[in-house]
Amino acid sequence: MSVSGYGTTQNNPNYLGVLFEIGQNATPVLNMVGGINGARPVSSVNFALNTNYALNSAAQPSISEDASVSGVTATTYDQSQDENAVQIFQRTAEVSYANSSDVSTLAGVPAGAGENQVTDKMGAQVTRNLRQMAIDLEYTMINGVYVKWTASGTASQSRGISTGITTNSVDGSAGALTKPMFNSLTKSMADNGAELDNGQCVILVNSTYKQALSDLFALQERSFSVGGVAVDTIATDFGILPVQYAPQVSQTELIIADMSKLSLAVLPTMGEALFVEELAKDGASSKTQMYGQFGTDYGHEIFHGKITNLA
C-alpha cells in the first residue's frame, strides 16, 4: 500500500528478502498500442478523434438518357467530428536524506535472514510511481469519463473506449454471457462497418468472462500476436478474433476493440511524452516529479463494440 507524503525511515523502512509487486497490475491494452513510445502527438488539450461522413443506403439508380443529358441534381455529403481530451497524469516521489542514506536499519526479520533488495530509495519510489501511472493510464484508456477542458481550473478527463462506444452496444440484462448475445454484438459491428476480419479486432475481457468465453467457444492456441502480445483466438462468422485478458475491464462488460484504430494520444511536455525531473530542494529531502498529458484516441466508436450489464 502507499502512504501520502515523503518517505522516511519510519514509513519506508528496510526489509530483507525477494521483492515482489502485489496485485493484478498488467497493462495489456497499453502494451498493444505501443505504450508511451507509440503515442500519437496532439497539439491541444481537446483533440479531434475523427472527421467522418456517411453514405446513403445502397439503391439502384433510374436515370433515362434524356435525364442524363440535362444532368442530375448534385449530392453533397456533410461531415461531422468527434473529439476527446488529454488529461494530466502527475506523480511525485520524495525521500528524506535520512531515509536515503540508511540502508542497514532493518524492519521485519533480523539481519542475516536475507538481502536488502532496495538500496536506491528514490529510484525505487520513482519506479513504483511510474508503474502506478501505467495502470492508471490503462484504466483511463478503457473506462475514462470525458470532461472537456474549458479553463485552467477545469480538470480535463479523457473518454475511454468503453465509455465512447454507443452504436454497437448490447445489453446483457444482468444475465450470463451467451452465444446469441455475443453473435448479436458481432453482427451489429459487421452491419455498421467494423472490420472484424482485419486481424486487429481484439476481445478484451476480465477474468470472469475470459473463462466464460473458454466455456462457450473452443479457444485456439496462442499462435496469434497483436502489438507483440500473444493472445488466444476464437472463430466467429465474421473472422478470427483474438481474446485478451485485461484486468481493468469492468466485471460486467466485454469489449471488442479494433486495435488498429486505438492509440494513446499525448500532448508533449517540454518536448517529451513523459517528463521526469528533479524538483528544487527546500529541506532535507530529494523530490522527483513525473508529468504527462495523455488521452485515448479510438478513431470512430462505430469500429468497436461492447456487451454491458452482464451478471
Protein backbone atom coordinates (compact mmCIF):
# COMPACT_ATOMS: atom_id res chain seq x y z
CA MET A 1 0.00 0.00 0.00
CA SER A 2 1.03 3.61 -0.40
CA VAL A 3 1.27 6.42 2.14
CA SER A 4 0.67 10.07 1.42
CA GLY A 5 3.77 12.22 1.77
CA TYR A 6 7.52 11.75 1.66
CA GLY A 7 9.46 8.62 2.52
CA THR A 8 11.09 8.47 5.95
CA THR A 9 12.99 5.85 7.93
CA GLN A 10 9.68 5.12 9.67
CA ASN A 11 7.23 4.73 6.75
CA ASN A 12 9.79 3.45 4.20
CA PRO A 13 11.98 1.06 6.23
CA ASN A 14 14.46 -1.55 5.01
CA TYR A 15 13.34 -5.15 4.61
CA LEU A 16 15.17 -8.33 3.65
CA GLY A 17 14.05 -10.89 1.08
CA VAL A 18 12.96 -11.14 -2.55
CA LEU A 19 10.95 -8.12 -3.75
CA PHE A 20 7.50 -8.73 -5.29
CA GLU A 21 4.87 -6.41 -6.72
CA ILE A 22 1.48 -7.49 -5.37
CA GLY A 23 -1.80 -7.25 -7.27
CA GLN A 24 -3.05 -7.64 -10.83
CA ASN A 25 -1.28 -4.73 -12.47
CA ALA A 26 -0.96 -5.92 -16.08
CA THR A 27 -1.44 -3.29 -18.81
CA PRO A 28 -2.14 -5.31 -21.99
CA VAL A 29 -4.08 -2.56 -23.79
CA LEU A 30 -1.32 0.00 -23.18
CA ASN A 31 1.22 -2.58 -24.36
CA MET A 32 -0.74 -3.43 -27.52
CA VAL A 33 -0.82 0.21 -28.65
CA GLY A 34 2.94 0.55 -28.13
CA GLY A 35 2.90 2.24 -24.74
CA ILE A 36 4.04 5.82 -24.32
CA ASN A 37 6.58 5.40 -27.13
CA GLY A 38 3.73 4.56 -29.53
CA ALA A 39 1.58 7.56 -28.55
CA ARG A 40 0.17 9.90 -31.22
CA PRO A 41 1.19 13.53 -30.60
CA VAL A 42 -1.60 16.11 -30.47
CA SER A 43 -1.23 19.88 -30.24
CA SER A 44 -4.03 20.83 -27.83
CA VAL A 45 -5.80 19.52 -24.75
CA ASN A 46 -9.04 18.94 -26.68
CA PHE A 47 -8.28 17.00 -29.86
CA ALA A 48 -10.17 15.55 -32.82
CA LEU A 49 -10.83 11.82 -32.80
CA ASN A 50 -12.05 11.83 -36.39
CA THR A 51 -13.72 13.64 -39.23
CA ASN A 52 -16.44 11.43 -40.63
CA TYR A 53 -19.18 11.25 -43.22
CA ALA A 54 -21.76 8.61 -44.12
CA LEU A 55 -23.01 7.38 -47.48
CA ASN A 56 -26.69 6.71 -48.15
CA SER A 57 -28.12 3.19 -48.20
CA ALA A 58 -27.40 1.34 -51.43
CA ALA A 59 -30.07 1.73 -54.12
CA GLN A 60 -30.45 1.12 -57.85
CA PRO A 61 -30.42 4.38 -59.89
CA SER A 62 -33.11 5.05 -62.52
CA ILE A 63 -31.81 7.67 -64.96
CA SER A 64 -33.09 7.95 -68.52
CA GLU A 65 -30.97 9.03 -71.45
CA ASP A 66 -32.89 12.33 -71.67
CA ALA A 67 -32.37 12.95 -67.96
CA SER A 68 -28.66 12.18 -68.25
CA VAL A 69 -28.26 14.85 -70.95
CA SER A 70 -29.66 17.57 -68.72
CA GLY A 71 -27.74 16.25 -65.73
CA VAL A 72 -28.77 15.17 -62.24
CA THR A 73 -29.02 17.18 -59.06
CA ALA A 74 -25.76 17.45 -57.19
CA THR A 75 -25.34 15.46 -53.98
CA THR A 76 -23.28 16.82 -51.09
CA TYR A 77 -22.17 14.64 -48.20
CA ASP A 78 -21.76 16.58 -44.98
CA GLN A 79 -19.10 15.91 -42.37
CA SER A 80 -19.04 15.81 -38.60
CA GLN A 81 -16.37 15.42 -35.96
CA ASP A 82 -15.92 13.72 -32.59
CA GLU A 83 -13.41 14.88 -30.01
CA ASN A 84 -11.71 13.80 -26.83
CA ALA A 85 -9.24 15.35 -24.41
CA VAL A 86 -5.87 14.58 -22.90
CA GLN A 87 -5.58 14.83 -19.14
CA ILE A 88 -2.77 15.40 -16.70
CA PHE A 89 -1.05 12.41 -15.13
CA GLN A 90 1.27 13.69 -12.41
CA ARG A 91 3.04 11.99 -9.53
CA THR A 92 5.77 12.98 -7.10
CA ALA A 93 8.30 10.85 -5.22
CA GLU A 94 10.05 12.34 -2.19
CA VAL A 95 12.54 10.68 0.14
CA SER A 96 14.23 12.25 3.14
CA TYR A 97 18.03 12.38 3.24
CA ALA A 98 17.97 10.23 6.37
CA ASN A 99 15.86 7.57 4.64
CA SER A 100 18.06 7.59 1.50
CA SER A 101 21.27 7.12 3.47
CA ASP A 102 20.06 4.43 5.88
CA VAL A 103 20.12 1.02 4.14
CA SER A 104 21.10 -1.08 7.16
CA THR A 105 18.50 -0.41 9.86
CA LEU A 106 16.06 -3.29 9.39
CA ALA A 107 12.37 -3.86 9.95
CA GLY A 108 10.89 -7.35 9.98
CA VAL A 109 13.24 -10.35 10.16
CA PRO A 110 16.72 -9.92 11.70
CA ALA A 111 19.97 -9.36 9.80
CA GLY A 112 21.40 -12.40 8.06
CA ALA A 113 17.95 -13.73 7.03
CA GLY A 114 18.14 -12.32 3.51
CA GLU A 115 19.34 -9.46 1.36
CA ASN A 116 18.08 -5.88 1.21
CA GLN A 117 16.61 -5.57 -2.32
CA VAL A 118 16.15 -1.78 -2.20
CA THR A 119 19.25 0.33 -1.67
CA ASP A 120 18.28 3.17 -4.04
CA LYS A 121 15.27 4.54 -2.18
CA MET A 122 14.46 7.35 -4.61
CA GLY A 123 14.90 5.16 -7.68
CA ALA A 124 12.55 2.57 -6.19
CA GLN A 125 9.88 5.17 -5.44
CA VAL A 126 10.12 6.69 -8.93
CA THR A 127 9.76 3.23 -10.49
CA ARG A 128 6.72 2.43 -8.36
CA ASN A 129 5.09 5.76 -9.15
CA LEU A 130 5.64 5.16 -12.88
CA ARG A 131 4.09 1.68 -12.54
CA GLN A 132 1.08 3.28 -10.83
CA MET A 133 0.85 5.82 -13.64
CA ALA A 134 0.84 2.98 -16.19
CA ILE A 135 -2.08 1.13 -14.60
CA ASP A 136 -3.95 4.43 -14.18
CA LEU A 137 -3.40 5.03 -17.91
CA GLU A 138 -4.70 1.53 -18.69
CA TYR A 139 -7.80 2.12 -16.58
CA THR A 140 -8.42 5.51 -18.20
CA MET A 141 -7.99 4.18 -21.76
CA ILE A 142 -10.75 1.65 -21.04
CA ASN A 143 -13.11 3.31 -18.54
CA GLY A 144 -12.33 7.03 -18.62
CA VAL A 145 -15.21 9.54 -18.38
CA TYR A 146 -14.95 12.61 -20.62
CA VAL A 147 -14.63 16.11 -19.22
CA LYS A 148 -13.85 18.78 -21.82
CA TRP A 149 -11.16 21.30 -20.93
CA THR A 150 -12.54 24.84 -20.70
CA ALA A 151 -10.22 26.70 -18.29
CA SER A 152 -7.15 26.20 -16.13
CA GLY A 153 -9.37 25.40 -13.16
CA THR A 154 -11.07 22.55 -15.06
CA ALA A 155 -9.55 19.09 -14.77
CA SER A 156 -9.94 17.71 -18.28
CA GLN A 157 -10.55 13.96 -18.43
CA SER A 158 -10.21 11.57 -21.35
CA ARG A 159 -13.05 9.38 -22.55
CA GLY A 160 -12.15 5.69 -22.55
CA ILE A 161 -13.06 3.26 -25.29
CA SER A 162 -15.80 1.56 -23.25
CA THR A 163 -17.42 4.88 -22.41
CA GLY A 164 -17.12 6.01 -26.02
CA ILE A 165 -18.96 3.04 -27.58
CA THR A 166 -22.63 3.88 -28.21
CA THR A 167 -23.64 2.27 -31.53
CA ASN A 168 -22.56 -1.36 -31.14
CA SER A 169 -23.72 -1.90 -27.58
CA VAL A 170 -25.64 -4.99 -26.42
CA ASP A 171 -27.42 -5.06 -23.05
CA GLY A 172 -26.71 -8.27 -21.16
CA SER A 173 -29.78 -7.65 -18.96
CA ALA A 174 -27.86 -8.75 -15.86
CA GLY A 175 -27.56 -12.25 -17.28
CA ALA A 176 -24.66 -14.57 -18.06
CA LEU A 177 -22.78 -14.26 -21.34
CA THR A 178 -24.38 -16.37 -24.10
CA LYS A 179 -23.50 -17.17 -27.70
CA PRO A 180 -26.62 -15.39 -29.07
CA MET A 181 -25.62 -12.30 -27.08
CA PHE A 182 -22.07 -12.42 -28.46
CA ASN A 183 -23.34 -13.10 -32.00
CA SER A 184 -25.68 -10.11 -31.74
CA LEU A 185 -22.68 -7.90 -30.97
CA THR A 186 -20.53 -9.15 -33.86
CA LYS A 187 -23.49 -8.85 -36.27
CA SER A 188 -24.13 -5.27 -35.17
CA MET A 189 -20.47 -4.41 -35.66
CA ALA A 190 -20.33 -6.06 -39.09
CA ASP A 191 -23.56 -4.35 -40.22
CA ASN A 192 -22.16 -0.97 -39.17
CA GLY A 193 -18.85 -1.37 -40.99
CA ALA A 194 -16.45 -2.65 -38.34
CA GLU A 195 -13.52 -4.55 -39.86
CA LEU A 196 -13.77 -7.72 -37.79
CA ASP A 197 -11.61 -9.68 -40.22
CA ASN A 198 -8.59 -7.35 -40.14
CA GLY A 199 -6.71 -9.36 -37.51
CA GLN A 200 -6.65 -6.37 -35.13
CA CYS A 201 -10.09 -6.60 -33.51
CA VAL A 202 -9.45 -7.94 -30.01
CA ILE A 203 -11.93 -9.16 -27.42
CA LEU A 204 -10.98 -7.53 -24.10
CA VAL A 205 -12.34 -9.30 -21.03
CA ASN A 206 -11.86 -9.59 -17.30
CA SER A 207 -11.18 -12.89 -15.54
CA THR A 208 -14.86 -13.86 -15.28
CA TYR A 209 -15.61 -13.55 -18.98
CA LYS A 210 -12.26 -14.91 -20.10
CA GLN A 211 -13.39 -18.16 -18.51
CA ALA A 212 -16.91 -17.77 -19.88
CA LEU A 213 -15.56 -17.43 -23.43
CA SER A 214 -13.50 -20.57 -22.90
CA ASP A 215 -16.70 -22.41 -21.96
CA LEU A 216 -18.69 -21.02 -24.91
CA PHE A 217 -16.05 -21.30 -27.62
CA ALA A 218 -13.11 -23.56 -28.35
CA LEU A 219 -10.18 -21.22 -27.78
CA GLN A 220 -7.27 -21.85 -30.13
CA GLU A 221 -3.60 -21.88 -29.12
CA ARG A 222 -1.59 -18.71 -28.73
CA SER A 223 -0.14 -18.59 -32.22
CA PHE A 224 -1.56 -15.08 -32.73
CA SER A 225 0.05 -11.79 -31.72
CA VAL A 226 -1.35 -8.26 -31.50
CA GLY A 227 1.12 -5.46 -30.80
CA GLY A 228 3.66 -8.04 -29.64
CA VAL A 229 1.21 -9.53 -27.12
CA ALA A 230 0.40 -13.27 -27.53
CA VAL A 231 -3.36 -13.91 -27.44
CA ASP A 232 -5.89 -16.73 -27.68
CA THR A 233 -8.36 -16.67 -30.59
CA ILE A 234 -11.94 -17.71 -31.34
CA ALA A 235 -13.64 -18.25 -34.70
CA THR A 236 -16.71 -16.12 -35.45
CA ASP A 237 -18.91 -15.71 -38.52
CA PHE A 238 -17.03 -12.53 -39.38
CA GLY A 239 -13.42 -13.51 -38.73
CA ILE A 240 -10.92 -14.87 -36.23
CA LEU A 241 -10.94 -12.70 -33.10
CA PRO A 242 -8.08 -12.63 -30.59
CA VAL A 243 -9.04 -12.76 -26.89
CA GLN A 244 -7.05 -10.80 -24.31
CA TYR A 245 -7.45 -10.84 -20.55
CA ALA A 246 -7.48 -7.19 -19.46
CA PRO A 247 -7.97 -6.80 -15.69
CA GLN A 248 -9.13 -3.17 -15.91
CA VAL A 249 -12.20 -4.11 -17.99
CA SER A 250 -15.32 -3.98 -15.83
CA GLN A 251 -16.53 -7.26 -14.32
CA THR A 252 -19.87 -6.68 -16.07
CA GLU A 253 -18.55 -5.94 -19.59
CA LEU A 254 -16.99 -7.46 -22.67
CA ILE A 255 -15.36 -5.19 -25.24
CA ILE A 256 -14.31 -5.78 -28.84
CA ALA A 257 -11.75 -3.12 -29.76
CA ASP A 258 -10.15 -2.55 -33.17
CA MET A 259 -6.56 -2.02 -32.07
CA SER A 260 -5.65 -0.57 -35.48
CA LYS A 261 -7.93 2.38 -34.60
CA LEU A 262 -6.82 2.68 -30.97
CA SER A 263 -3.81 4.63 -29.73
CA LEU A 264 -2.58 6.68 -26.82
CA ALA A 265 -2.70 10.42 -27.51
CA VAL A 266 -0.05 12.64 -25.96
CA LEU A 267 0.36 16.39 -25.64
CA PRO A 268 4.17 16.61 -25.26
CA THR A 269 5.62 18.46 -22.28
CA MET A 270 8.96 20.21 -22.82
CA GLY A 271 9.30 18.09 -25.96
CA GLU A 272 8.84 14.83 -24.02
CA ALA A 273 5.91 12.42 -23.85
CA LEU A 274 6.67 11.74 -20.18
CA PHE A 275 8.58 14.43 -18.34
CA VAL A 276 10.62 13.35 -15.30
CA GLU A 277 12.54 16.00 -13.38
CA GLU A 278 14.16 16.55 -10.01
CA LEU A 279 12.38 19.34 -8.16
CA ALA A 280 14.02 22.15 -6.23
CA LYS A 281 15.14 21.33 -2.71
CA ASP A 282 13.56 23.21 0.17
CA GLY A 283 14.70 20.97 3.03
CA ALA A 284 16.48 17.72 3.83
CA SER A 285 14.84 15.58 1.15
CA SER A 286 15.04 14.77 -2.56
CA LYS A 287 11.96 15.14 -4.74
CA THR A 288 11.25 13.90 -8.30
CA GLN A 289 8.22 14.77 -10.38
CA MET A 290 6.68 12.68 -13.19
CA TYR A 291 4.31 14.52 -15.54
CA GLY A 292 2.50 13.68 -18.75
CA GLN A 293 -0.66 14.66 -20.65
CA PHE A 294 -2.34 11.61 -22.17
CA GLY A 295 -5.69 10.63 -23.63
CA THR A 296 -7.41 7.90 -25.63
CA ASP A 297 -7.66 8.08 -29.41
CA TYR A 298 -10.07 5.40 -30.66
CA GLY A 299 -10.91 6.85 -34.09
CA HIS A 300 -14.66 6.38 -34.52
CA GLU A 301 -16.67 4.46 -31.94
CA ILE A 302 -18.51 2.53 -34.67
CA PHE A 303 -15.43 0.34 -35.22
CA HIS A 304 -15.69 -1.03 -31.66
CA GLY A 305 -18.38 -2.81 -29.66
CA LYS A 306 -19.34 -3.96 -26.16
CA ILE A 307 -21.72 -6.07 -24.14
CA THR A 308 -22.75 -4.31 -20.93
CA ASN A 309 -24.75 -5.15 -17.81
CA LEU A 310 -23.56 -8.74 -17.60
CA ALA A 311 -24.05 -10.73 -14.42
